[in-house]
Amino acid sequence: MSPRTSAQFEAIRKASMGRISNAALDLFARKGYSATSVAQIATAAGVSKGLLYNYFNGKEALLRYIVLEAVAKGEKALYEALALPGSPKARLRQFTVATFGLIQSNRDYWRLLSALALQPHVLDGLMPELQQKEGQAMEGFLALFRELGYEDPEGELLLYQAMMDGVALKYMQAPEAYPLGKMQTKILAHYQL
């Protein structure tokens, strides 16, 4: 048997990090960040604590990785929508539809982010970076709402965010019962998209 290539080692590393971060995400979302131990994460991931620490310096580093991964998915949806040719309504529609897709397909991320919103101290070390990313995203988003011609684009953007956050939160509380598709239709109709 020949030695592994660097590409094979990288694939193994990514697979291990994925198993660990998925296990942590599940536990953080179900039990809460504070109630989850590194040992529980390692057990759920099927790895040793030593291997977990090989990839992540601890629970805080793992949470950072998970949160930044979730933020990157949201940023990707936003920047892809903003880069689309065509009308600002078409771009807002694309972002809205993509966000509903993320809400539905990444429930654990949203459940965790919703819980962390009520525990800001948990993210203290990450807040400057998150605030910088949010500020950059808001600039692009605000430009879109200005293009849409609202008299108060800042206020309209805040309303849009509140609606989207509310939908995500309600969906996290009762995913089987909440009419996510209906809410998407209503928000699209509200903005005449």
N, C-alpha and C. Protein backbone atom coordinates (compact mmCIF):
# COMPACT_ATOMS: atom_id res chain seq x y z
N MET A 1 0.85 -1.18 0.00
CA MET A 1 0.00 0.00 0.00
C MET A 1 0.89 1.24 0.00
N SER A 2 0.60 2.16 -0.88
CA SER A 2 1.42 3.36 -0.99
C SER A 2 0.99 4.39 0.06
N PRO A 3 1.91 5.26 0.43
CA PRO A 3 1.56 6.30 1.41
C PRO A 3 0.48 7.23 0.86
N ARG A 4 -0.24 7.82 1.78
CA ARG A 4 -1.31 8.74 1.38
C ARG A 4 -0.71 10.02 0.82
N THR A 5 -1.44 10.59 -0.13
CA THR A 5 -1.02 11.86 -0.72
C THR A 5 -1.52 13.01 0.16
N SER A 6 -1.00 14.18 -0.08
CA SER A 6 -1.46 15.35 0.69
C SER A 6 -2.94 15.62 0.42
N ALA A 7 -3.40 15.33 -0.79
CA ALA A 7 -4.83 15.50 -1.10
C ALA A 7 -5.68 14.53 -0.29
N GLN A 8 -5.19 13.30 -0.11
CA GLN A 8 -5.93 12.33 0.69
C GLN A 8 -5.97 12.76 2.16
N PHE A 9 -4.83 13.24 2.67
CA PHE A 9 -4.80 13.73 4.05
C PHE A 9 -5.76 14.90 4.23
N GLU A 10 -5.80 15.79 3.26
CA GLU A 10 -6.71 16.94 3.33
C GLU A 10 -8.16 16.48 3.32
N ALA A 11 -8.48 15.49 2.51
CA ALA A 11 -9.85 14.96 2.47
C ALA A 11 -10.22 14.33 3.81
N ILE A 12 -9.29 13.60 4.41
CA ILE A 12 -9.53 12.99 5.73
C ILE A 12 -9.73 14.08 6.78
N ARG A 13 -8.88 15.11 6.72
CA ARG A 13 -8.98 16.22 7.67
C ARG A 13 -10.34 16.90 7.56
N LYS A 14 -10.77 17.20 6.34
CA LYS A 14 -12.06 17.86 6.13
C LYS A 14 -13.21 16.98 6.60
N ALA A 15 -13.13 15.69 6.33
CA ALA A 15 -14.19 14.77 6.75
C ALA A 15 -14.27 14.71 8.28
N SER A 16 -13.12 14.66 8.94
CA SER A 16 -13.10 14.63 10.41
C SER A 16 -13.65 15.93 10.99
N MET A 17 -13.22 17.05 10.44
CA MET A 17 -13.72 18.34 10.91
C MET A 17 -15.23 18.44 10.69
N GLY A 18 -15.70 17.93 9.56
CA GLY A 18 -17.13 17.93 9.28
C GLY A 18 -17.91 17.09 10.28
N ARG A 19 -17.40 15.89 10.58
CA ARG A 19 -18.08 15.03 11.57
C ARG A 19 -18.13 15.71 12.93
N ILE A 20 -17.01 16.30 13.32
CA ILE A 20 -16.94 16.96 14.63
C ILE A 20 -17.87 18.17 14.67
N SER A 21 -17.81 19.02 13.65
CA SER A 21 -18.64 20.23 13.67
C SER A 21 -20.13 19.89 13.55
N ASN A 22 -20.47 18.86 12.79
CA ASN A 22 -21.88 18.45 12.70
C ASN A 22 -22.39 17.91 14.03
N ALA A 23 -21.56 17.12 14.71
CA ALA A 23 -21.95 16.60 16.02
C ALA A 23 -22.12 17.75 17.02
N ALA A 24 -21.18 18.70 16.99
CA ALA A 24 -21.26 19.85 17.90
C ALA A 24 -22.50 20.68 17.59
N LEU A 25 -22.76 20.92 16.33
CA LEU A 25 -23.93 21.70 15.94
C LEU A 25 -25.20 21.05 16.46
N ASP A 26 -25.31 19.75 16.27
CA ASP A 26 -26.49 19.03 16.75
C ASP A 26 -26.64 19.16 18.26
N LEU A 27 -25.56 18.94 18.99
CA LEU A 27 -25.62 19.03 20.46
C LEU A 27 -25.86 20.45 20.93
N PHE A 28 -25.17 21.43 20.34
CA PHE A 28 -25.38 22.82 20.73
C PHE A 28 -26.83 23.23 20.48
N ALA A 29 -27.38 22.80 19.35
CA ALA A 29 -28.76 23.18 18.99
C ALA A 29 -29.76 22.50 19.92
N ARG A 30 -29.51 21.25 20.30
CA ARG A 30 -30.47 20.51 21.14
C ARG A 30 -30.30 20.80 22.62
N LYS A 31 -29.06 20.81 23.10
CA LYS A 31 -28.81 20.91 24.53
C LYS A 31 -28.40 22.30 24.98
N GLY A 32 -27.90 23.09 24.04
CA GLY A 32 -27.36 24.40 24.38
C GLY A 32 -25.84 24.34 24.44
N TYR A 33 -25.23 25.45 24.17
CA TYR A 33 -23.76 25.53 24.15
C TYR A 33 -23.18 25.22 25.52
N SER A 34 -23.70 25.87 26.55
CA SER A 34 -23.14 25.72 27.89
C SER A 34 -23.30 24.32 28.45
N ALA A 35 -24.37 23.63 28.07
CA ALA A 35 -24.65 22.30 28.60
C ALA A 35 -23.95 21.18 27.83
N THR A 36 -23.19 21.53 26.81
CA THR A 36 -22.51 20.53 25.99
C THR A 36 -21.02 20.51 26.31
N SER A 37 -20.49 19.33 26.57
CA SER A 37 -19.06 19.20 26.87
C SER A 37 -18.29 18.72 25.64
N VAL A 38 -16.99 18.94 25.67
CA VAL A 38 -16.13 18.46 24.59
C VAL A 38 -16.21 16.94 24.50
N ALA A 39 -16.27 16.28 25.64
CA ALA A 39 -16.37 14.81 25.65
C ALA A 39 -17.64 14.35 24.94
N GLN A 40 -18.75 15.03 25.18
CA GLN A 40 -20.01 14.67 24.51
C GLN A 40 -19.89 14.87 23.00
N ILE A 41 -19.25 15.93 22.59
CA ILE A 41 -19.07 16.19 21.16
C ILE A 41 -18.22 15.10 20.53
N ALA A 42 -17.10 14.77 21.17
CA ALA A 42 -16.21 13.73 20.65
C ALA A 42 -16.94 12.40 20.53
N THR A 43 -17.70 12.04 21.56
CA THR A 43 -18.46 10.79 21.53
C THR A 43 -19.47 10.80 20.39
N ALA A 44 -20.21 11.88 20.26
CA ALA A 44 -21.22 11.97 19.20
C ALA A 44 -20.59 11.92 17.81
N ALA A 45 -19.38 12.47 17.68
CA ALA A 45 -18.69 12.48 16.39
C ALA A 45 -17.97 11.16 16.11
N GLY A 46 -17.84 10.33 17.15
CA GLY A 46 -17.13 9.06 16.98
C GLY A 46 -15.63 9.24 16.87
N VAL A 47 -15.11 10.26 17.56
CA VAL A 47 -13.67 10.51 17.56
C VAL A 47 -13.19 10.65 19.00
N SER A 48 -11.88 10.60 19.17
CA SER A 48 -11.32 10.81 20.50
C SER A 48 -11.28 12.31 20.80
N LYS A 49 -11.21 12.64 22.10
CA LYS A 49 -11.06 14.05 22.46
C LYS A 49 -9.77 14.60 21.88
N GLY A 50 -8.73 13.77 21.84
CA GLY A 50 -7.45 14.20 21.29
C GLY A 50 -7.56 14.61 19.83
N LEU A 51 -8.32 13.84 19.05
CA LEU A 51 -8.50 14.20 17.64
C LEU A 51 -9.30 15.49 17.53
N LEU A 52 -10.32 15.64 18.37
CA LEU A 52 -11.09 16.88 18.36
C LEU A 52 -10.17 18.07 18.62
N TYR A 53 -9.32 17.94 19.65
CA TYR A 53 -8.40 19.03 19.97
C TYR A 53 -7.32 19.22 18.90
N ASN A 54 -7.08 18.21 18.10
CA ASN A 54 -6.14 18.34 16.99
C ASN A 54 -6.67 19.35 15.96
N TYR A 55 -7.99 19.39 15.79
CA TYR A 55 -8.61 20.27 14.81
C TYR A 55 -9.14 21.57 15.40
N PHE A 56 -9.57 21.53 16.63
CA PHE A 56 -10.17 22.70 17.28
C PHE A 56 -9.54 22.87 18.66
N ASN A 57 -9.19 24.11 19.03
CA ASN A 57 -8.55 24.36 20.32
C ASN A 57 -9.48 24.13 21.50
N GLY A 58 -10.74 23.95 21.25
CA GLY A 58 -11.70 23.74 22.32
C GLY A 58 -13.11 24.02 21.83
N LYS A 59 -14.01 24.03 22.77
CA LYS A 59 -15.43 24.22 22.44
C LYS A 59 -15.68 25.59 21.83
N GLU A 60 -15.00 26.61 22.33
CA GLU A 60 -15.19 27.97 21.80
C GLU A 60 -14.73 28.05 20.35
N ALA A 61 -13.59 27.44 20.03
CA ALA A 61 -13.10 27.44 18.65
C ALA A 61 -14.05 26.68 17.73
N LEU A 62 -14.63 25.63 18.25
CA LEU A 62 -15.60 24.85 17.48
C LEU A 62 -16.86 25.67 17.21
N LEU A 63 -17.34 26.38 18.23
CA LEU A 63 -18.50 27.25 18.05
C LEU A 63 -18.19 28.34 17.02
N ARG A 64 -17.01 28.90 17.12
CA ARG A 64 -16.59 29.94 16.17
C ARG A 64 -16.64 29.40 14.74
N TYR A 65 -16.11 28.21 14.54
CA TYR A 65 -16.10 27.58 13.22
C TYR A 65 -17.52 27.39 12.70
N ILE A 66 -18.41 26.91 13.56
CA ILE A 66 -19.80 26.65 13.17
C ILE A 66 -20.51 27.95 12.82
N VAL A 67 -20.36 28.96 13.67
CA VAL A 67 -21.04 30.24 13.44
C VAL A 67 -20.53 30.89 12.16
N LEU A 68 -19.22 30.90 11.97
CA LEU A 68 -18.67 31.52 10.76
C LEU A 68 -19.08 30.76 9.50
N GLU A 69 -19.22 29.45 9.61
CA GLU A 69 -19.70 28.66 8.48
C GLU A 69 -21.15 29.05 8.14
N ALA A 70 -21.97 29.22 9.16
CA ALA A 70 -23.37 29.62 8.94
C ALA A 70 -23.43 31.02 8.33
N VAL A 71 -22.63 31.93 8.86
CA VAL A 71 -22.59 33.30 8.35
C VAL A 71 -22.13 33.30 6.89
N ALA A 72 -21.16 32.47 6.57
CA ALA A 72 -20.66 32.40 5.19
C ALA A 72 -21.76 31.95 4.22
N LYS A 73 -22.61 31.03 4.65
CA LYS A 73 -23.72 30.59 3.79
C LYS A 73 -24.69 31.74 3.54
N GLY A 74 -25.00 32.51 4.58
CA GLY A 74 -25.88 33.66 4.42
C GLY A 74 -25.26 34.72 3.54
N GLU A 75 -23.96 34.98 3.74
CA GLU A 75 -23.27 35.97 2.91
C GLU A 75 -23.25 35.53 1.45
N LYS A 76 -23.03 34.26 1.22
CA LYS A 76 -22.99 33.75 -0.15
C LYS A 76 -24.33 34.01 -0.84
N ALA A 77 -25.43 33.70 -0.13
CA ALA A 77 -26.76 33.93 -0.71
C ALA A 77 -26.97 35.42 -1.01
N LEU A 78 -26.55 36.28 -0.08
CA LEU A 78 -26.73 37.72 -0.28
C LEU A 78 -25.89 38.23 -1.44
N TYR A 79 -24.61 37.91 -1.45
CA TYR A 79 -23.74 38.46 -2.48
C TYR A 79 -24.06 37.89 -3.86
N GLU A 80 -24.50 36.65 -3.92
CA GLU A 80 -24.94 36.10 -5.21
C GLU A 80 -26.17 36.86 -5.72
N ALA A 81 -27.10 37.15 -4.81
CA ALA A 81 -28.30 37.89 -5.20
C ALA A 81 -27.96 39.31 -5.63
N LEU A 82 -27.07 39.97 -4.88
CA LEU A 82 -26.71 41.35 -5.21
C LEU A 82 -25.96 41.44 -6.54
N ALA A 83 -25.26 40.38 -6.91
CA ALA A 83 -24.47 40.38 -8.15
C ALA A 83 -25.30 40.05 -9.39
N LEU A 84 -26.53 39.62 -9.19
CA LEU A 84 -27.36 39.26 -10.34
C LEU A 84 -27.65 40.47 -11.22
N PRO A 85 -27.67 40.26 -12.53
CA PRO A 85 -28.11 41.35 -13.40
C PRO A 85 -29.63 41.49 -13.26
N GLY A 86 -30.13 42.61 -13.66
CA GLY A 86 -31.58 42.77 -13.63
C GLY A 86 -32.03 43.72 -12.54
N SER A 87 -33.31 43.69 -12.31
CA SER A 87 -33.94 44.65 -11.41
C SER A 87 -33.61 44.37 -9.95
N PRO A 88 -33.71 45.42 -9.11
CA PRO A 88 -33.51 45.20 -7.68
C PRO A 88 -34.56 44.26 -7.10
N LYS A 89 -35.77 44.26 -7.67
CA LYS A 89 -36.80 43.33 -7.20
C LYS A 89 -36.39 41.89 -7.47
N ALA A 90 -35.79 41.64 -8.63
CA ALA A 90 -35.33 40.28 -8.96
C ALA A 90 -34.24 39.84 -7.99
N ARG A 91 -33.36 40.77 -7.61
CA ARG A 91 -32.28 40.43 -6.67
C ARG A 91 -32.84 40.17 -5.27
N LEU A 92 -33.80 40.99 -4.83
CA LEU A 92 -34.40 40.77 -3.52
C LEU A 92 -35.18 39.45 -3.51
N ARG A 93 -35.85 39.16 -4.59
CA ARG A 93 -36.57 37.89 -4.69
C ARG A 93 -35.59 36.71 -4.57
N GLN A 94 -34.50 36.78 -5.31
CA GLN A 94 -33.50 35.71 -5.27
C GLN A 94 -32.98 35.51 -3.85
N PHE A 95 -32.64 36.61 -3.17
CA PHE A 95 -32.13 36.49 -1.81
C PHE A 95 -33.18 35.91 -0.88
N THR A 96 -34.41 36.37 -1.00
CA THR A 96 -35.49 35.89 -0.13
C THR A 96 -35.70 34.40 -0.32
N VAL A 97 -35.80 33.96 -1.55
CA VAL A 97 -36.01 32.54 -1.84
C VAL A 97 -34.82 31.72 -1.34
N ALA A 98 -33.60 32.20 -1.57
CA ALA A 98 -32.41 31.49 -1.10
C ALA A 98 -32.39 31.39 0.42
N THR A 99 -32.79 32.47 1.10
CA THR A 99 -32.81 32.46 2.56
C THR A 99 -33.84 31.47 3.09
N PHE A 100 -35.00 31.42 2.47
CA PHE A 100 -35.99 30.43 2.89
C PHE A 100 -35.43 29.01 2.70
N GLY A 101 -34.69 28.81 1.63
CA GLY A 101 -34.06 27.51 1.41
C GLY A 101 -33.06 27.18 2.51
N LEU A 102 -32.27 28.18 2.92
CA LEU A 102 -31.31 27.98 4.00
C LEU A 102 -32.01 27.69 5.32
N ILE A 103 -33.09 28.39 5.58
CA ILE A 103 -33.85 28.16 6.82
C ILE A 103 -34.33 26.72 6.86
N GLN A 104 -34.87 26.26 5.76
CA GLN A 104 -35.45 24.92 5.72
C GLN A 104 -34.38 23.83 5.76
N SER A 105 -33.27 24.05 5.09
CA SER A 105 -32.28 22.98 4.98
C SER A 105 -31.23 23.00 6.09
N ASN A 106 -31.19 24.05 6.88
CA ASN A 106 -30.18 24.17 7.94
C ASN A 106 -30.82 24.51 9.28
N ARG A 107 -31.80 23.71 9.67
CA ARG A 107 -32.54 24.01 10.90
C ARG A 107 -31.65 24.11 12.13
N ASP A 108 -30.68 23.21 12.24
CA ASP A 108 -29.83 23.24 13.43
C ASP A 108 -29.03 24.54 13.52
N TYR A 109 -28.53 25.04 12.38
CA TYR A 109 -27.82 26.33 12.40
C TYR A 109 -28.73 27.42 12.93
N TRP A 110 -29.94 27.48 12.40
CA TRP A 110 -30.87 28.54 12.79
C TRP A 110 -31.28 28.39 14.25
N ARG A 111 -31.47 27.15 14.69
CA ARG A 111 -31.83 26.93 16.09
C ARG A 111 -30.69 27.41 16.99
N LEU A 112 -29.47 27.07 16.62
CA LEU A 112 -28.31 27.50 17.40
C LEU A 112 -28.17 29.02 17.37
N LEU A 113 -28.25 29.63 16.20
CA LEU A 113 -28.11 31.08 16.10
C LEU A 113 -29.20 31.81 16.87
N SER A 114 -30.41 31.25 16.85
CA SER A 114 -31.52 31.85 17.61
C SER A 114 -31.23 31.78 19.10
N ALA A 115 -30.73 30.64 19.56
CA ALA A 115 -30.40 30.49 20.98
C ALA A 115 -29.25 31.42 21.37
N LEU A 116 -28.26 31.54 20.51
CA LEU A 116 -27.11 32.39 20.81
C LEU A 116 -27.48 33.87 20.84
N ALA A 117 -28.50 34.25 20.08
CA ALA A 117 -28.95 35.64 20.09
C ALA A 117 -29.41 36.06 21.48
N LEU A 118 -29.87 35.09 22.26
CA LEU A 118 -30.33 35.37 23.62
C LEU A 118 -29.23 35.16 24.65
N GLN A 119 -28.03 34.78 24.19
CA GLN A 119 -26.88 34.57 25.06
C GLN A 119 -25.66 35.29 24.47
N PRO A 120 -25.72 36.60 24.32
CA PRO A 120 -24.65 37.30 23.60
C PRO A 120 -23.27 37.10 24.23
N HIS A 121 -23.19 36.84 25.53
CA HIS A 121 -21.90 36.65 26.18
C HIS A 121 -21.13 35.46 25.62
N VAL A 122 -21.85 34.47 25.09
CA VAL A 122 -21.21 33.28 24.52
C VAL A 122 -20.37 33.66 23.30
N LEU A 123 -20.80 34.67 22.58
CA LEU A 123 -20.11 35.08 21.36
C LEU A 123 -19.20 36.29 21.55
N ASP A 124 -18.92 36.66 22.79
CA ASP A 124 -18.12 37.86 23.05
C ASP A 124 -16.86 37.94 22.21
N GLY A 125 -16.09 36.87 22.14
CA GLY A 125 -14.84 36.88 21.40
C GLY A 125 -15.02 36.98 19.90
N LEU A 126 -16.19 36.63 19.42
CA LEU A 126 -16.47 36.60 17.99
C LEU A 126 -17.21 37.84 17.51
N MET A 127 -17.76 38.62 18.45
CA MET A 127 -18.62 39.74 18.08
C MET A 127 -17.95 40.77 17.16
N PRO A 128 -16.72 41.19 17.39
CA PRO A 128 -16.14 42.18 16.47
C PRO A 128 -16.13 41.69 15.02
N GLU A 129 -15.77 40.45 14.82
CA GLU A 129 -15.74 39.91 13.45
C GLU A 129 -17.14 39.80 12.87
N LEU A 130 -18.10 39.35 13.69
CA LEU A 130 -19.48 39.24 13.22
C LEU A 130 -20.06 40.61 12.90
N GLN A 131 -19.76 41.60 13.74
CA GLN A 131 -20.27 42.95 13.49
C GLN A 131 -19.66 43.54 12.22
N GLN A 132 -18.39 43.25 11.96
CA GLN A 132 -17.76 43.73 10.73
C GLN A 132 -18.42 43.09 9.52
N LYS A 133 -18.65 41.79 9.57
CA LYS A 133 -19.30 41.09 8.46
C LYS A 133 -20.72 41.61 8.26
N GLU A 134 -21.44 41.82 9.36
CA GLU A 134 -22.80 42.33 9.25
C GLU A 134 -22.80 43.73 8.64
N GLY A 135 -21.85 44.57 9.05
CA GLY A 135 -21.77 45.91 8.50
C GLY A 135 -21.54 45.91 7.00
N GLN A 136 -20.65 45.03 6.54
CA GLN A 136 -20.38 44.93 5.11
C GLN A 136 -21.62 44.46 4.35
N ALA A 137 -22.29 43.45 4.90
CA ALA A 137 -23.49 42.92 4.25
C ALA A 137 -24.59 43.98 4.23
N MET A 138 -24.71 44.73 5.32
CA MET A 138 -25.76 45.75 5.42
C MET A 138 -25.57 46.85 4.38
N GLU A 139 -24.33 47.19 4.09
CA GLU A 139 -24.08 48.22 3.07
C GLU A 139 -24.66 47.80 1.72
N GLY A 140 -24.38 46.57 1.33
CA GLY A 140 -24.91 46.07 0.06
C GLY A 140 -26.41 45.94 0.07
N PHE A 141 -26.93 45.49 1.19
CA PHE A 141 -28.37 45.30 1.33
C PHE A 141 -29.09 46.65 1.33
N LEU A 142 -28.51 47.62 2.02
CA LEU A 142 -29.11 48.95 2.07
C LEU A 142 -29.12 49.59 0.68
N ALA A 143 -28.06 49.39 -0.07
CA ALA A 143 -28.02 49.90 -1.45
C ALA A 143 -29.16 49.30 -2.27
N LEU A 144 -29.44 48.02 -2.05
CA LEU A 144 -30.54 47.36 -2.75
C LEU A 144 -31.87 48.00 -2.38
N PHE A 145 -32.09 48.26 -1.10
CA PHE A 145 -33.35 48.88 -0.69
C PHE A 145 -33.45 50.33 -1.17
N ARG A 146 -32.32 50.99 -1.32
CA ARG A 146 -32.35 52.34 -1.92
C ARG A 146 -32.76 52.24 -3.39
N GLU A 147 -32.19 51.26 -4.08
CA GLU A 147 -32.55 51.05 -5.50
C GLU A 147 -34.04 50.76 -5.65
N LEU A 148 -34.61 50.11 -4.66
CA LEU A 148 -36.04 49.79 -4.72
C LEU A 148 -36.90 51.04 -4.57
N GLY A 149 -36.29 52.15 -4.16
CA GLY A 149 -36.99 53.43 -4.14
C GLY A 149 -37.80 53.71 -2.88
N TYR A 150 -37.50 53.04 -1.79
CA TYR A 150 -38.25 53.29 -0.56
C TYR A 150 -37.91 54.67 0.00
N GLU A 151 -38.91 55.34 0.54
CA GLU A 151 -38.72 56.65 1.16
C GLU A 151 -37.76 56.53 2.34
N ASP A 152 -37.89 55.44 3.09
CA ASP A 152 -37.03 55.18 4.25
C ASP A 152 -36.38 53.80 4.06
N PRO A 153 -35.32 53.72 3.25
CA PRO A 153 -34.73 52.41 2.96
C PRO A 153 -34.17 51.72 4.20
N GLU A 154 -33.62 52.49 5.14
CA GLU A 154 -33.09 51.89 6.37
C GLU A 154 -34.22 51.23 7.16
N GLY A 155 -35.32 51.96 7.32
CA GLY A 155 -36.47 51.42 8.05
C GLY A 155 -37.06 50.21 7.35
N GLU A 156 -37.13 50.26 6.03
CA GLU A 156 -37.69 49.13 5.28
C GLU A 156 -36.79 47.90 5.38
N LEU A 157 -35.49 48.13 5.37
CA LEU A 157 -34.55 47.02 5.54
C LEU A 157 -34.71 46.39 6.92
N LEU A 158 -34.85 47.22 7.94
CA LEU A 158 -35.05 46.69 9.30
C LEU A 158 -36.35 45.90 9.39
N LEU A 159 -37.40 46.37 8.72
CA LEU A 159 -38.66 45.63 8.70
C LEU A 159 -38.48 44.29 8.00
N TYR A 160 -37.81 44.29 6.87
CA TYR A 160 -37.55 43.04 6.13
C TYR A 160 -36.78 42.06 7.02
N GLN A 161 -35.73 42.55 7.67
CA GLN A 161 -34.94 41.68 8.55
C GLN A 161 -35.79 41.13 9.69
N ALA A 162 -36.63 41.97 10.27
CA ALA A 162 -37.49 41.52 11.37
C ALA A 162 -38.45 40.43 10.90
N MET A 163 -39.00 40.60 9.71
CA MET A 163 -39.90 39.57 9.17
C MET A 163 -39.14 38.26 8.95
N MET A 164 -37.98 38.35 8.33
CA MET A 164 -37.21 37.13 8.04
C MET A 164 -36.73 36.46 9.33
N ASP A 165 -36.27 37.26 10.30
CA ASP A 165 -35.85 36.69 11.58
C ASP A 165 -37.03 36.05 12.30
N GLY A 166 -38.18 36.71 12.26
CA GLY A 166 -39.38 36.16 12.90
C GLY A 166 -39.80 34.85 12.27
N VAL A 167 -39.76 34.78 10.96
CA VAL A 167 -40.10 33.53 10.26
C VAL A 167 -39.14 32.42 10.70
N ALA A 168 -37.84 32.72 10.70
CA ALA A 168 -36.85 31.70 11.09
C ALA A 168 -37.09 31.23 12.51
N LEU A 169 -37.34 32.16 13.42
CA LEU A 169 -37.56 31.82 14.82
C LEU A 169 -38.81 30.96 15.00
N LYS A 170 -39.91 31.36 14.37
CA LYS A 170 -41.15 30.58 14.49
C LYS A 170 -40.98 29.20 13.88
N TYR A 171 -40.27 29.12 12.76
CA TYR A 171 -40.04 27.82 12.12
C TYR A 171 -39.20 26.92 13.02
N MET A 172 -38.24 27.48 13.73
CA MET A 172 -37.41 26.68 14.64
C MET A 172 -38.23 26.12 15.79
N GLN A 173 -39.24 26.87 16.22
CA GLN A 173 -40.07 26.43 17.34
C GLN A 173 -40.96 25.26 16.97
N ALA A 174 -41.46 25.24 15.74
CA ALA A 174 -42.39 24.17 15.34
C ALA A 174 -42.26 23.91 13.84
N PRO A 175 -41.17 23.30 13.41
CA PRO A 175 -40.92 23.16 11.97
C PRO A 175 -41.99 22.37 11.22
N GLU A 176 -42.58 21.38 11.85
CA GLU A 176 -43.59 20.58 11.15
C GLU A 176 -44.91 21.33 11.00
N ALA A 177 -45.21 22.21 11.94
CA ALA A 177 -46.50 22.90 11.94
C ALA A 177 -46.45 24.28 11.28
N TYR A 178 -45.27 24.87 11.20
CA TYR A 178 -45.18 26.24 10.71
C TYR A 178 -45.29 26.28 9.18
N PRO A 179 -46.13 27.17 8.65
CA PRO A 179 -46.33 27.24 7.19
C PRO A 179 -45.24 28.05 6.49
N LEU A 180 -44.05 27.48 6.40
CA LEU A 180 -42.90 28.19 5.85
C LEU A 180 -43.15 28.65 4.41
N GLY A 181 -43.70 27.77 3.59
CA GLY A 181 -43.98 28.13 2.20
C GLY A 181 -44.96 29.28 2.09
N LYS A 182 -45.97 29.27 2.94
CA LYS A 182 -46.96 30.35 2.94
C LYS A 182 -46.31 31.68 3.34
N MET A 183 -45.41 31.62 4.32
CA MET A 183 -44.73 32.85 4.75
C MET A 183 -43.82 33.38 3.64
N GLN A 184 -43.18 32.49 2.91
CA GLN A 184 -42.36 32.93 1.78
C GLN A 184 -43.23 33.64 0.76
N THR A 185 -44.37 33.05 0.44
CA THR A 185 -45.30 33.65 -0.52
C THR A 185 -45.76 35.01 -0.04
N LYS A 186 -46.06 35.14 1.26
CA LYS A 186 -46.56 36.40 1.80
C LYS A 186 -45.47 37.49 1.76
N ILE A 187 -44.24 37.13 2.09
CA ILE A 187 -43.17 38.12 2.06
C ILE A 187 -42.88 38.54 0.62
N LEU A 188 -42.87 37.59 -0.29
CA LEU A 188 -42.67 37.94 -1.70
C LEU A 188 -43.79 38.85 -2.19
N ALA A 189 -45.02 38.57 -1.76
CA ALA A 189 -46.15 39.41 -2.16
C ALA A 189 -46.05 40.80 -1.52
N HIS A 190 -45.63 40.85 -0.26
CA HIS A 190 -45.50 42.13 0.44
C HIS A 190 -44.57 43.07 -0.33
N TYR A 191 -43.50 42.52 -0.85
CA TYR A 191 -42.53 43.33 -1.60
C TYR A 191 -42.78 43.30 -3.11
N GLN A 192 -43.91 42.73 -3.49
CA GLN A 192 -44.31 42.64 -4.91
C GLN A 192 -43.20 42.03 -5.76
N LEU A 193 -42.72 40.89 -5.28
CA LEU A 193 -41.63 40.20 -5.96
C LEU A 193 -42.17 39.02 -6.74
